[in-house]
Amino acid sequence: MRTKIFMVVMLMGLSTILIAQTAEPMAKKFRGTERPAMRMKAMHGGNQGLNLTDAQKEAFKANMLATQKQLQPLRNALGEAEAHQKTLVTAEKPDFGAINKNIEKIGGIRIEMAKIQAKNRLDMRAQLTDEQKLKFDLFKHGMRQGKGPKGPKGMM
């Protein structure tokens, strides 16, 4: 009787170990390969079910590249300003005037970036048909509601 109970306990223990081992590669699969591809597709439009023509795809690609070229120096400046902010805040005797000026600088950079991104979005939207515009607008609205890369933590 003891041996039967021992065998059942051992089988249950082994089956638990096997189940735990098979679940782990699935988590790694999503962490390592599929999610970045899904993120990139979402960030760059991912066609969004818009059924774009080849000319529209090329125009979108060119527009996105030009926008990224404009944003890169601003991103660099923003990173530098944020690093400087950290230095100012953690100083022995913080200078509130310098901190406030740097906050305004950071805000100005972010505003400039938002203007460039809005212009890009309007340029892309101008190339779409009315049906495509509706889908494009719904996609961006969903992303702001926490259903995509610009939503809460986790996607970006």
C-alpha atoms as a PDB file:
ATOM      1  CA  MET A   1       0.000   0.000   0.000  1.00  0.00           C
ATOM      2  CA  ARG A   2       2.808   2.392   0.907  1.00  0.00           C
ATOM      3  CA  THR A   3       4.535   1.728  -2.397  1.00  0.00           C
ATOM      4  CA  LYS A   4       1.359   2.560  -4.356  1.00  0.00           C
ATOM      5  CA  ILE A   5       0.953   5.870  -2.504  1.00  0.00           C
ATOM      6  CA  PHE A   6       4.649   6.609  -3.017  1.00  0.00           C
ATOM      7  CA  MET A   7       4.347   5.859  -6.758  1.00  0.00           C
ATOM      8  CA  VAL A   8       1.293   8.156  -7.128  1.00  0.00           C
ATOM      9  CA  VAL A   9       3.080  10.984  -5.320  1.00  0.00           C
ATOM     10  CA  MET A  10       6.175  10.510  -7.495  1.00  0.00           C
ATOM     11  CA  LEU A  11       4.117  10.508 -10.700  1.00  0.00           C
ATOM     12  CA  MET A  12       2.311  13.684  -9.653  1.00  0.00           C
ATOM     13  CA  GLY A  13       5.613  15.336  -8.806  1.00  0.00           C
ATOM     14  CA  LEU A  14       7.170  14.382 -12.135  1.00  0.00           C
ATOM     15  CA  SER A  15       4.124  15.491 -14.095  1.00  0.00           C
ATOM     16  CA  THR A  16       4.261  18.878 -12.339  1.00  0.00           C
ATOM     17  CA  ILE A  17       7.911  19.244 -13.268  1.00  0.00           C
ATOM     18  CA  LEU A  18       7.216  18.311 -16.893  1.00  0.00           C
ATOM     19  CA  ILE A  19       4.332  20.774 -17.164  1.00  0.00           C
ATOM     20  CA  ALA A  20       6.444  23.558 -15.680  1.00  0.00           C
ATOM     21  CA  GLN A  21       9.245  22.855 -18.143  1.00  0.00           C
ATOM     22  CA  THR A  22       6.989  22.930 -21.199  1.00  0.00           C
ATOM     23  CA  ALA A  23       5.416  26.247 -20.196  1.00  0.00           C
ATOM     24  CA  GLU A  24       8.757  28.038 -19.917  1.00  0.00           C
ATOM     25  CA  PRO A  25       9.782  27.877 -23.617  1.00  0.00           C
ATOM     26  CA  MET A  26       6.440  29.438 -24.598  1.00  0.00           C
ATOM     27  CA  ALA A  27       7.152  32.424 -22.378  1.00  0.00           C
ATOM     28  CA  LYS A  28      10.632  32.744 -23.869  1.00  0.00           C
ATOM     29  CA  LYS A  29       9.168  32.489 -27.347  1.00  0.00           C
ATOM     30  CA  PHE A  30       6.963  35.514 -26.780  1.00  0.00           C
ATOM     31  CA  ARG A  31       9.639  37.421 -24.895  1.00  0.00           C
ATOM     32  CA  GLY A  32      12.338  36.884 -27.453  1.00  0.00           C
ATOM     33  CA  THR A  33      10.992  36.725 -30.979  1.00  0.00           C
ATOM     34  CA  GLU A  34       7.362  37.479 -31.641  1.00  0.00           C
ATOM     35  CA  ARG A  35       6.683  40.520 -29.496  1.00  0.00           C
ATOM     36  CA  PRO A  36       9.384  42.799 -30.969  1.00  0.00           C
ATOM     37  CA  ALA A  37       8.069  42.011 -34.439  1.00  0.00           C
ATOM     38  CA  MET A  38       4.543  42.833 -33.295  1.00  0.00           C
ATOM     39  CA  ARG A  39       5.782  46.067 -31.708  1.00  0.00           C
ATOM     40  CA  MET A  40       7.613  47.148 -34.832  1.00  0.00           C
ATOM     41  CA  LYS A  41       4.548  46.410 -36.936  1.00  0.00           C
ATOM     42  CA  ALA A  42       2.349  48.454 -34.592  1.00  0.00           C
ATOM     43  CA  MET A  43       4.813  51.336 -34.336  1.00  0.00           C
ATOM     44  CA  HIS A  44       5.230  51.682 -38.077  1.00  0.00           C
ATOM     45  CA  GLY A  45       1.586  51.406 -38.916  1.00  0.00           C
ATOM     46  CA  GLY A  46       1.615  47.704 -39.669  1.00  0.00           C
ATOM     47  CA  ASN A  47      -0.690  48.395 -42.631  1.00  0.00           C
ATOM     48  CA  GLN A  48      -3.487  48.494 -40.002  1.00  0.00           C
ATOM     49  CA  GLY A  49      -5.834  46.747 -42.409  1.00  0.00           C
ATOM     50  CA  LEU A  50      -5.772  49.844 -44.592  1.00  0.00           C
ATOM     51  CA  ASN A  51      -5.094  47.946 -47.829  1.00  0.00           C
ATOM     52  CA  LEU A  52      -2.518  50.506 -48.928  1.00  0.00           C
ATOM     53  CA  THR A  53      -1.460  50.767 -52.534  1.00  0.00           C
ATOM     54  CA  ASP A  54       2.213  50.365 -53.376  1.00  0.00           C
ATOM     55  CA  ALA A  55       2.482  54.116 -53.958  1.00  0.00           C
ATOM     56  CA  GLN A  56       0.957  54.814 -50.543  1.00  0.00           C
ATOM     57  CA  LYS A  57       3.326  52.320 -48.896  1.00  0.00           C
ATOM     58  CA  GLU A  58       6.331  53.990 -50.487  1.00  0.00           C
ATOM     59  CA  ALA A  59       5.083  57.450 -49.515  1.00  0.00           C
ATOM     60  CA  PHE A  60       4.494  56.291 -45.926  1.00  0.00           C
ATOM     61  CA  LYS A  61       7.980  54.768 -45.775  1.00  0.00           C
ATOM     62  CA  ALA A  62       9.618  57.933 -47.136  1.00  0.00           C
ATOM     63  CA  ASN A  63       7.576  60.129 -44.784  1.00  0.00           C
ATOM     64  CA  MET A  64       8.462  57.952 -41.791  1.00  0.00           C
ATOM     65  CA  LEU A  65      12.166  58.048 -42.661  1.00  0.00           C
ATOM     66  CA  ALA A  66      12.148  61.837 -43.022  1.00  0.00           C
ATOM     67  CA  THR A  67      10.321  62.189 -39.711  1.00  0.00           C
ATOM     68  CA  GLN A  68      12.770  59.906 -37.915  1.00  0.00           C
ATOM     69  CA  LYS A  69      15.674  61.945 -39.288  1.00  0.00           C
ATOM     70  CA  GLN A  70      14.067  65.093 -37.870  1.00  0.00           C
ATOM     71  CA  LEU A  71      13.320  63.487 -34.509  1.00  0.00           C
ATOM     72  CA  GLN A  72      16.724  61.884 -33.904  1.00  0.00           C
ATOM     73  CA  PRO A  73      18.591  65.089 -32.938  1.00  0.00           C
ATOM     74  CA  LEU A  74      15.663  66.086 -30.736  1.00  0.00           C
ATOM     75  CA  ARG A  75      15.695  62.707 -29.002  1.00  0.00           C
ATOM     76  CA  ASN A  76      19.407  63.124 -28.383  1.00  0.00           C
ATOM     77  CA  ALA A  77      18.909  66.631 -26.984  1.00  0.00           C
ATOM     78  CA  LEU A  78      16.057  65.367 -24.810  1.00  0.00           C
ATOM     79  CA  GLY A  79      18.245  62.602 -23.398  1.00  0.00           C
ATOM     80  CA  GLU A  80      20.984  65.094 -22.617  1.00  0.00           C
ATOM     81  CA  ALA A  81      18.544  67.515 -20.979  1.00  0.00           C
ATOM     82  CA  GLU A  82      17.024  64.740 -18.863  1.00  0.00           C
ATOM     83  CA  ALA A  83      20.504  63.585 -17.785  1.00  0.00           C
ATOM     84  CA  HIS A  84      21.382  67.181 -16.900  1.00  0.00           C
ATOM     85  CA  GLN A  85      18.125  67.402 -14.919  1.00  0.00           C
ATOM     86  CA  LYS A  86      19.186  64.386 -12.895  1.00  0.00           C
ATOM     87  CA  THR A  87      22.525  66.073 -12.202  1.00  0.00           C
ATOM     88  CA  LEU A  88      20.830  69.315 -11.142  1.00  0.00           C
ATOM     89  CA  VAL A  89      18.345  67.599  -8.851  1.00  0.00           C
ATOM     90  CA  THR A  90      20.926  65.395  -7.122  1.00  0.00           C
ATOM     91  CA  ALA A  91      23.433  68.195  -6.458  1.00  0.00           C
ATOM     92  CA  GLU A  92      24.437  69.003  -2.881  1.00  0.00           C
ATOM     93  CA  LYS A  93      22.720  72.393  -3.094  1.00  0.00           C
ATOM     94  CA  PRO A  94      20.146  72.287  -5.915  1.00  0.00           C
ATOM     95  CA  ASP A  95      19.683  75.498  -7.911  1.00  0.00           C
ATOM     96  CA  PHE A  96      15.920  75.827  -8.370  1.00  0.00           C
ATOM     97  CA  GLY A  97      16.335  78.431 -11.108  1.00  0.00           C
ATOM     98  CA  ALA A  98      18.522  76.116 -13.182  1.00  0.00           C
ATOM     99  CA  ILE A  99      16.168  73.198 -12.521  1.00  0.00           C
ATOM    100  CA  ASN A 100      13.178  75.216 -13.715  1.00  0.00           C
ATOM    101  CA  LYS A 101      15.020  76.396 -16.843  1.00  0.00           C
ATOM    102  CA  ASN A 102      15.979  72.824 -17.655  1.00  0.00           C
ATOM    103  CA  ILE A 103      12.387  71.665 -17.151  1.00  0.00           C
ATOM    104  CA  GLU A 104      11.281  74.333 -19.635  1.00  0.00           C
ATOM    105  CA  LYS A 105      13.978  73.161 -22.062  1.00  0.00           C
ATOM    106  CA  ILE A 106      12.756  69.556 -21.765  1.00  0.00           C
ATOM    107  CA  GLY A 107       9.184  70.717 -22.314  1.00  0.00           C
ATOM    108  CA  GLY A 108      10.203  72.733 -25.374  1.00  0.00           C
ATOM    109  CA  ILE A 109      11.952  69.738 -26.913  1.00  0.00           C
ATOM    110  CA  ARG A 110       8.923  67.528 -26.286  1.00  0.00           C
ATOM    111  CA  ILE A 111       6.622  70.139 -27.825  1.00  0.00           C
ATOM    112  CA  GLU A 112       8.836  70.336 -30.915  1.00  0.00           C
ATOM    113  CA  MET A 113       8.798  66.548 -31.206  1.00  0.00           C
ATOM    114  CA  ALA A 114       4.999  66.478 -30.867  1.00  0.00           C
ATOM    115  CA  LYS A 115       4.667  69.084 -33.630  1.00  0.00           C
ATOM    116  CA  ILE A 116       6.828  67.028 -35.989  1.00  0.00           C
ATOM    117  CA  GLN A 117       4.871  63.869 -35.192  1.00  0.00           C
ATOM    118  CA  ALA A 118       1.536  65.642 -35.730  1.00  0.00           C
ATOM    119  CA  LYS A 119       2.726  66.968 -39.089  1.00  0.00           C
ATOM    120  CA  ASN A 120       3.852  63.457 -40.067  1.00  0.00           C
ATOM    121  CA  ARG A 121       0.481  62.020 -39.101  1.00  0.00           C
ATOM    122  CA  LEU A 122      -1.391  64.665 -41.106  1.00  0.00           C
ATOM    123  CA  ASP A 123       0.870  64.126 -44.125  1.00  0.00           C
ATOM    124  CA  MET A 124       0.241  60.386 -43.973  1.00  0.00           C
ATOM    125  CA  ARG A 125      -3.494  60.892 -43.499  1.00  0.00           C
ATOM    126  CA  ALA A 126      -3.679  63.215 -46.509  1.00  0.00           C
ATOM    127  CA  GLN A 127      -2.610  60.346 -48.774  1.00  0.00           C
ATOM    128  CA  LEU A 128      -5.470  58.068 -47.730  1.00  0.00           C
ATOM    129  CA  THR A 129      -8.964  57.531 -49.112  1.00  0.00           C
ATOM    130  CA  ASP A 130     -11.952  58.309 -46.889  1.00  0.00           C
ATOM    131  CA  GLU A 131     -12.360  54.664 -45.848  1.00  0.00           C
ATOM    132  CA  GLN A 132      -8.659  54.367 -45.072  1.00  0.00           C
ATOM    133  CA  LYS A 133      -8.808  57.595 -43.037  1.00  0.00           C
ATOM    134  CA  LEU A 134     -11.538  56.138 -40.823  1.00  0.00           C
ATOM    135  CA  LYS A 135      -9.498  53.003 -40.108  1.00  0.00           C
ATOM    136  CA  PHE A 136      -6.330  55.070 -39.585  1.00  0.00           C
ATOM    137  CA  ASP A 137      -8.074  57.341 -37.072  1.00  0.00           C
ATOM    138  CA  LEU A 138      -9.638  54.424 -35.199  1.00  0.00           C
ATOM    139  CA  PHE A 139      -6.262  52.696 -34.927  1.00  0.00           C
ATOM    140  CA  LYS A 140      -4.588  55.757 -33.412  1.00  0.00           C
ATOM    141  CA  HIS A 141      -7.514  56.319 -31.048  1.00  0.00           C
ATOM    142  CA  GLY A 142      -7.224  52.721 -29.792  1.00  0.00           C
ATOM    143  CA  MET A 143      -3.510  53.180 -29.142  1.00  0.00           C
ATOM    144  CA  ARG A 144      -4.222  56.163 -26.908  1.00  0.00           C
ATOM    145  CA  GLN A 145      -6.799  54.179 -24.961  1.00  0.00           C
ATOM    146  CA  GLY A 146      -4.174  51.719 -23.734  1.00  0.00           C
ATOM    147  CA  LYS A 147      -4.629  49.140 -26.493  1.00  0.00           C
ATOM    148  CA  GLY A 148      -1.287  49.615 -28.202  1.00  0.00           C
ATOM    149  CA  PRO A 149       2.311  50.846 -27.955  1.00  0.00           C
ATOM    150  CA  LYS A 150       1.382  54.237 -26.522  1.00  0.00           C
ATOM    151  CA  GLY A 151      -0.778  52.710 -23.802  1.00  0.00           C
ATOM    152  CA  PRO A 152       0.215  51.739 -20.280  1.00  0.00           C
ATOM    153  CA  LYS A 153       3.489  50.057 -19.401  1.00  0.00           C
ATOM    154  CA  GLY A 154       4.312  46.794 -21.063  1.00  0.00           C
ATOM    155  CA  MET A 155       4.119  47.426 -24.764  1.00  0.00           C
ATOM    156  CA  MET A 156       6.872  49.966 -25.191  1.00  0.00           C
END
